[in-house]
Amino acid sequence: MIIVTTNTIPGKEIKELKGLVKGNCVQSKHIGKDILAGLRTIVGGEITEYTEMMMEARQKAIGRMVDEAKGKGANAIVAMRLETSAIMQNACEIIAYGTAVHVE
């Protein structure tokens, strides 16, 4: 599956639009990682526990979007975007979306 953030794919021609595809993941904090992250804020620096958590959530959302595109017979996704939002105090949603297409 080709995934790009642009509206076209260099060297490829879009033959058919398959429509909007999306995938999401709602991720909550882990109490153990939350404690480590809290301690890390005292000394400063990257909070790797949260970086890893968000990277995993993005990969799940993208994977679900790809599965939906495959189900529509697409072999590429153009104009892909990622967004995040807080949906409650200790949870956030990552959504990946784009336009599924068939390219040659």
N, C-alpha and C. Protein backbone atom coordinates (compact mmCIF):
# COMPACT_ATOMS: atom_id res chain seq x y z
N MET A 1 0.85 -1.18 0.00
CA MET A 1 0.00 0.00 0.00
C MET A 1 0.90 1.24 0.00
N ILE A 2 0.70 2.09 -0.99
CA ILE A 2 1.42 3.36 -1.05
C ILE A 2 0.61 4.36 -0.23
N ILE A 3 1.27 5.06 0.68
CA ILE A 3 0.60 6.08 1.49
C ILE A 3 1.40 7.37 1.36
N VAL A 4 0.72 8.44 0.91
CA VAL A 4 1.38 9.73 0.76
C VAL A 4 0.50 10.84 1.34
N THR A 5 1.14 11.92 1.74
CA THR A 5 0.39 13.07 2.23
C THR A 5 0.04 14.04 1.12
N THR A 6 0.58 13.79 -0.06
CA THR A 6 0.31 14.64 -1.22
C THR A 6 -0.95 14.17 -1.94
N ASN A 7 -1.44 14.98 -2.87
CA ASN A 7 -2.65 14.62 -3.62
C ASN A 7 -2.35 13.74 -4.83
N THR A 8 -1.09 13.61 -5.17
CA THR A 8 -0.68 12.76 -6.29
C THR A 8 0.52 11.93 -5.86
N ILE A 9 0.81 10.91 -6.67
CA ILE A 9 1.98 10.07 -6.42
C ILE A 9 2.87 10.18 -7.65
N PRO A 10 4.07 10.74 -7.50
CA PRO A 10 4.96 10.90 -8.65
C PRO A 10 5.18 9.57 -9.38
N GLY A 11 5.02 9.60 -10.70
CA GLY A 11 5.23 8.40 -11.51
C GLY A 11 4.05 7.47 -11.56
N LYS A 12 2.98 7.80 -10.87
CA LYS A 12 1.77 6.96 -10.86
C LYS A 12 0.59 7.79 -11.34
N GLU A 13 -0.36 7.11 -11.94
CA GLU A 13 -1.59 7.78 -12.38
C GLU A 13 -2.77 7.22 -11.60
N ILE A 14 -3.56 8.11 -11.03
CA ILE A 14 -4.76 7.67 -10.31
C ILE A 14 -5.80 7.27 -11.34
N LYS A 15 -6.20 6.00 -11.30
CA LYS A 15 -7.17 5.47 -12.25
C LYS A 15 -8.58 5.46 -11.68
N GLU A 16 -8.68 5.33 -10.36
CA GLU A 16 -10.00 5.24 -9.76
C GLU A 16 -9.97 5.73 -8.31
N LEU A 17 -10.96 6.53 -7.95
CA LEU A 17 -11.12 6.94 -6.55
C LEU A 17 -12.00 5.92 -5.85
N LYS A 18 -11.57 5.48 -4.70
CA LYS A 18 -12.33 4.49 -3.92
C LYS A 18 -13.06 5.14 -2.75
N GLY A 19 -12.66 6.36 -2.40
CA GLY A 19 -13.36 7.08 -1.34
C GLY A 19 -12.54 7.28 -0.08
N LEU A 20 -13.19 7.94 0.87
CA LEU A 20 -12.58 8.23 2.17
C LEU A 20 -12.33 6.94 2.94
N VAL A 21 -11.15 6.87 3.53
CA VAL A 21 -10.84 5.77 4.45
C VAL A 21 -10.27 6.36 5.72
N LYS A 22 -10.50 5.68 6.82
CA LYS A 22 -10.01 6.18 8.10
C LYS A 22 -9.77 5.02 9.04
N GLY A 23 -8.97 5.29 10.02
CA GLY A 23 -8.70 4.34 11.09
C GLY A 23 -8.44 5.14 12.35
N ASN A 24 -8.88 4.63 13.47
CA ASN A 24 -8.65 5.36 14.70
C ASN A 24 -8.22 4.44 15.83
N CYS A 25 -7.68 5.04 16.86
CA CYS A 25 -7.25 4.33 18.05
C CYS A 25 -7.43 5.27 19.24
N VAL A 26 -8.14 4.80 20.23
CA VAL A 26 -8.27 5.57 21.47
C VAL A 26 -7.30 4.95 22.46
N GLN A 27 -6.38 5.78 22.94
CA GLN A 27 -5.31 5.30 23.80
C GLN A 27 -5.43 5.94 25.17
N SER A 28 -5.34 5.13 26.20
CA SER A 28 -5.36 5.69 27.56
C SER A 28 -3.97 5.56 28.17
N LYS A 29 -3.75 6.33 29.19
CA LYS A 29 -2.46 6.28 29.88
C LYS A 29 -2.38 5.00 30.70
N HIS A 30 -1.17 4.53 30.90
CA HIS A 30 -0.88 3.35 31.71
C HIS A 30 -0.33 3.85 33.04
N ILE A 31 -0.89 3.41 34.14
CA ILE A 31 -0.54 3.94 35.45
C ILE A 31 0.97 3.82 35.74
N GLY A 32 1.58 2.70 35.36
CA GLY A 32 3.02 2.54 35.59
C GLY A 32 3.83 3.54 34.78
N LYS A 33 3.47 3.69 33.50
CA LYS A 33 4.17 4.64 32.66
C LYS A 33 3.89 6.07 33.10
N ASP A 34 2.71 6.30 33.63
CA ASP A 34 2.34 7.63 34.12
C ASP A 34 3.25 8.04 35.28
N ILE A 35 3.54 7.11 36.16
CA ILE A 35 4.42 7.40 37.30
C ILE A 35 5.83 7.73 36.80
N LEU A 36 6.34 6.91 35.87
CA LEU A 36 7.68 7.16 35.31
C LEU A 36 7.72 8.51 34.59
N ALA A 37 6.66 8.81 33.85
CA ALA A 37 6.60 10.08 33.12
C ALA A 37 6.58 11.25 34.09
N GLY A 38 5.85 11.10 35.18
CA GLY A 38 5.80 12.15 36.19
C GLY A 38 7.17 12.41 36.80
N LEU A 39 7.91 11.35 37.06
CA LEU A 39 9.26 11.51 37.60
C LEU A 39 10.19 12.17 36.58
N ARG A 40 10.00 11.82 35.30
CA ARG A 40 10.85 12.39 34.25
C ARG A 40 10.62 13.90 34.11
N THR A 41 9.43 14.37 34.40
CA THR A 41 9.16 15.81 34.28
C THR A 41 9.94 16.62 35.31
N ILE A 42 10.36 15.97 36.36
CA ILE A 42 11.14 16.67 37.40
C ILE A 42 12.51 17.06 36.86
N VAL A 43 13.14 16.16 36.11
CA VAL A 43 14.49 16.41 35.62
C VAL A 43 14.50 16.95 34.18
N GLY A 44 13.37 16.89 33.51
CA GLY A 44 13.28 17.40 32.14
C GLY A 44 13.67 16.36 31.11
N GLY A 45 13.48 16.71 29.86
CA GLY A 45 13.82 15.81 28.76
C GLY A 45 12.60 15.15 28.15
N GLU A 46 12.85 14.34 27.15
CA GLU A 46 11.77 13.66 26.46
C GLU A 46 11.10 12.63 27.36
N ILE A 47 9.81 12.56 27.29
CA ILE A 47 9.05 11.57 28.05
C ILE A 47 8.83 10.38 27.12
N THR A 48 9.82 9.50 27.10
CA THR A 48 9.82 8.40 26.14
C THR A 48 8.64 7.45 26.30
N GLU A 49 8.13 7.33 27.52
CA GLU A 49 6.97 6.46 27.74
C GLU A 49 5.78 6.93 26.92
N TYR A 50 5.57 8.24 26.86
CA TYR A 50 4.45 8.79 26.09
C TYR A 50 4.76 8.80 24.60
N THR A 51 6.01 9.04 24.25
CA THR A 51 6.41 8.99 22.83
C THR A 51 6.12 7.61 22.26
N GLU A 52 6.50 6.57 22.97
CA GLU A 52 6.26 5.20 22.52
C GLU A 52 4.77 4.89 22.47
N MET A 53 4.02 5.35 23.47
CA MET A 53 2.59 5.10 23.50
C MET A 53 1.89 5.74 22.29
N MET A 54 2.27 6.97 21.97
CA MET A 54 1.64 7.66 20.85
C MET A 54 2.07 7.07 19.51
N MET A 55 3.33 6.63 19.42
CA MET A 55 3.80 6.00 18.19
C MET A 55 3.01 4.71 17.93
N GLU A 56 2.79 3.94 18.96
CA GLU A 56 2.00 2.71 18.83
C GLU A 56 0.56 3.02 18.41
N ALA A 57 -0.03 4.04 19.00
CA ALA A 57 -1.41 4.42 18.66
C ALA A 57 -1.49 4.89 17.20
N ARG A 58 -0.50 5.64 16.73
CA ARG A 58 -0.48 6.08 15.32
C ARG A 58 -0.39 4.88 14.39
N GLN A 59 0.47 3.92 14.72
CA GLN A 59 0.62 2.74 13.87
C GLN A 59 -0.68 1.93 13.81
N LYS A 60 -1.38 1.82 14.92
CA LYS A 60 -2.67 1.12 14.93
C LYS A 60 -3.68 1.84 14.05
N ALA A 61 -3.75 3.16 14.17
CA ALA A 61 -4.70 3.94 13.38
C ALA A 61 -4.39 3.82 11.89
N ILE A 62 -3.12 3.92 11.52
CA ILE A 62 -2.73 3.79 10.12
C ILE A 62 -3.04 2.39 9.61
N GLY A 63 -2.76 1.38 10.41
CA GLY A 63 -3.05 0.00 10.02
C GLY A 63 -4.54 -0.22 9.77
N ARG A 64 -5.37 0.36 10.60
CA ARG A 64 -6.82 0.22 10.41
C ARG A 64 -7.29 0.95 9.17
N MET A 65 -6.68 2.10 8.87
CA MET A 65 -7.00 2.84 7.65
C MET A 65 -6.61 2.01 6.43
N VAL A 66 -5.43 1.41 6.46
CA VAL A 66 -4.96 0.58 5.35
C VAL A 66 -5.90 -0.62 5.15
N ASP A 67 -6.32 -1.25 6.22
CA ASP A 67 -7.25 -2.38 6.11
C ASP A 67 -8.55 -1.96 5.42
N GLU A 68 -9.05 -0.78 5.76
CA GLU A 68 -10.28 -0.29 5.13
C GLU A 68 -10.04 -0.02 3.64
N ALA A 69 -8.88 0.54 3.31
CA ALA A 69 -8.56 0.82 1.90
C ALA A 69 -8.46 -0.48 1.10
N LYS A 70 -7.80 -1.48 1.67
CA LYS A 70 -7.70 -2.78 1.00
C LYS A 70 -9.09 -3.37 0.76
N GLY A 71 -9.97 -3.22 1.73
CA GLY A 71 -11.33 -3.72 1.60
C GLY A 71 -12.10 -3.06 0.47
N LYS A 72 -11.69 -1.86 0.10
CA LYS A 72 -12.32 -1.15 -1.01
C LYS A 72 -11.62 -1.41 -2.34
N GLY A 73 -10.57 -2.22 -2.32
CA GLY A 73 -9.83 -2.53 -3.53
C GLY A 73 -8.79 -1.51 -3.92
N ALA A 74 -8.37 -0.68 -3.00
CA ALA A 74 -7.37 0.35 -3.27
C ALA A 74 -5.96 -0.22 -3.15
N ASN A 75 -5.03 0.41 -3.86
CA ASN A 75 -3.63 0.05 -3.68
C ASN A 75 -2.78 1.25 -3.25
N ALA A 76 -3.47 2.36 -2.94
CA ALA A 76 -2.77 3.55 -2.45
C ALA A 76 -3.74 4.43 -1.68
N ILE A 77 -3.16 5.29 -0.84
CA ILE A 77 -3.93 6.30 -0.11
C ILE A 77 -3.23 7.63 -0.32
N VAL A 78 -3.97 8.61 -0.82
CA VAL A 78 -3.41 9.95 -1.02
C VAL A 78 -4.02 10.91 -0.01
N ALA A 79 -3.36 12.04 0.18
CA ALA A 79 -3.82 13.09 1.09
C ALA A 79 -4.03 12.56 2.51
N MET A 80 -3.15 11.66 2.94
CA MET A 80 -3.27 11.08 4.28
C MET A 80 -2.94 12.12 5.35
N ARG A 81 -3.72 12.12 6.40
CA ARG A 81 -3.51 13.03 7.52
C ARG A 81 -3.65 12.26 8.83
N LEU A 82 -3.02 12.78 9.87
CA LEU A 82 -3.14 12.26 11.23
C LEU A 82 -3.62 13.40 12.11
N GLU A 83 -4.56 13.11 12.97
CA GLU A 83 -5.03 14.09 13.95
C GLU A 83 -5.18 13.42 15.30
N THR A 84 -5.09 14.22 16.32
CA THR A 84 -5.27 13.71 17.66
C THR A 84 -6.18 14.65 18.44
N SER A 85 -6.90 14.07 19.38
CA SER A 85 -7.74 14.90 20.23
C SER A 85 -7.91 14.21 21.58
N ALA A 86 -8.06 15.02 22.60
CA ALA A 86 -8.33 14.48 23.93
C ALA A 86 -9.82 14.21 24.02
N ILE A 87 -10.19 13.00 24.43
CA ILE A 87 -11.61 12.70 24.51
C ILE A 87 -12.09 12.56 25.95
N MET A 88 -11.15 12.43 26.87
CA MET A 88 -11.44 12.46 28.30
C MET A 88 -10.13 12.75 29.01
N GLN A 89 -10.15 12.88 30.29
CA GLN A 89 -8.97 13.32 31.03
C GLN A 89 -7.73 12.48 30.76
N ASN A 90 -7.84 11.19 30.72
CA ASN A 90 -6.66 10.33 30.58
C ASN A 90 -6.64 9.51 29.30
N ALA A 91 -7.31 10.01 28.25
CA ALA A 91 -7.32 9.27 26.98
C ALA A 91 -7.35 10.22 25.81
N CYS A 92 -6.73 9.79 24.72
CA CYS A 92 -6.76 10.58 23.50
C CYS A 92 -7.07 9.67 22.32
N GLU A 93 -7.53 10.28 21.26
CA GLU A 93 -7.83 9.54 20.04
C GLU A 93 -6.86 9.99 18.96
N ILE A 94 -6.34 9.04 18.23
CA ILE A 94 -5.55 9.29 17.03
C ILE A 94 -6.41 8.82 15.86
N ILE A 95 -6.57 9.66 14.85
CA ILE A 95 -7.28 9.24 13.66
C ILE A 95 -6.39 9.48 12.44
N ALA A 96 -6.34 8.48 11.59
CA ALA A 96 -5.63 8.57 10.31
C ALA A 96 -6.69 8.53 9.24
N TYR A 97 -6.60 9.43 8.26
CA TYR A 97 -7.60 9.42 7.19
C TYR A 97 -6.98 9.89 5.89
N GLY A 98 -7.60 9.51 4.80
CA GLY A 98 -7.12 9.89 3.49
C GLY A 98 -8.09 9.40 2.43
N THR A 99 -7.68 9.53 1.18
CA THR A 99 -8.50 9.09 0.06
C THR A 99 -7.89 7.83 -0.53
N ALA A 100 -8.67 6.76 -0.54
CA ALA A 100 -8.23 5.51 -1.13
C ALA A 100 -8.37 5.61 -2.64
N VAL A 101 -7.33 5.14 -3.34
CA VAL A 101 -7.32 5.20 -4.80
C VAL A 101 -6.70 3.92 -5.37
N HIS A 102 -6.94 3.73 -6.66
CA HIS A 102 -6.23 2.67 -7.39
C HIS A 102 -5.31 3.38 -8.37
N VAL A 103 -4.02 3.08 -8.29
CA VAL A 103 -3.05 3.73 -9.17
C VAL A 103 -2.36 2.69 -10.06
N GLU A 104 -1.84 3.18 -11.17
CA GLU A 104 -1.03 2.34 -12.06
C GLU A 104 0.23 3.07 -12.40
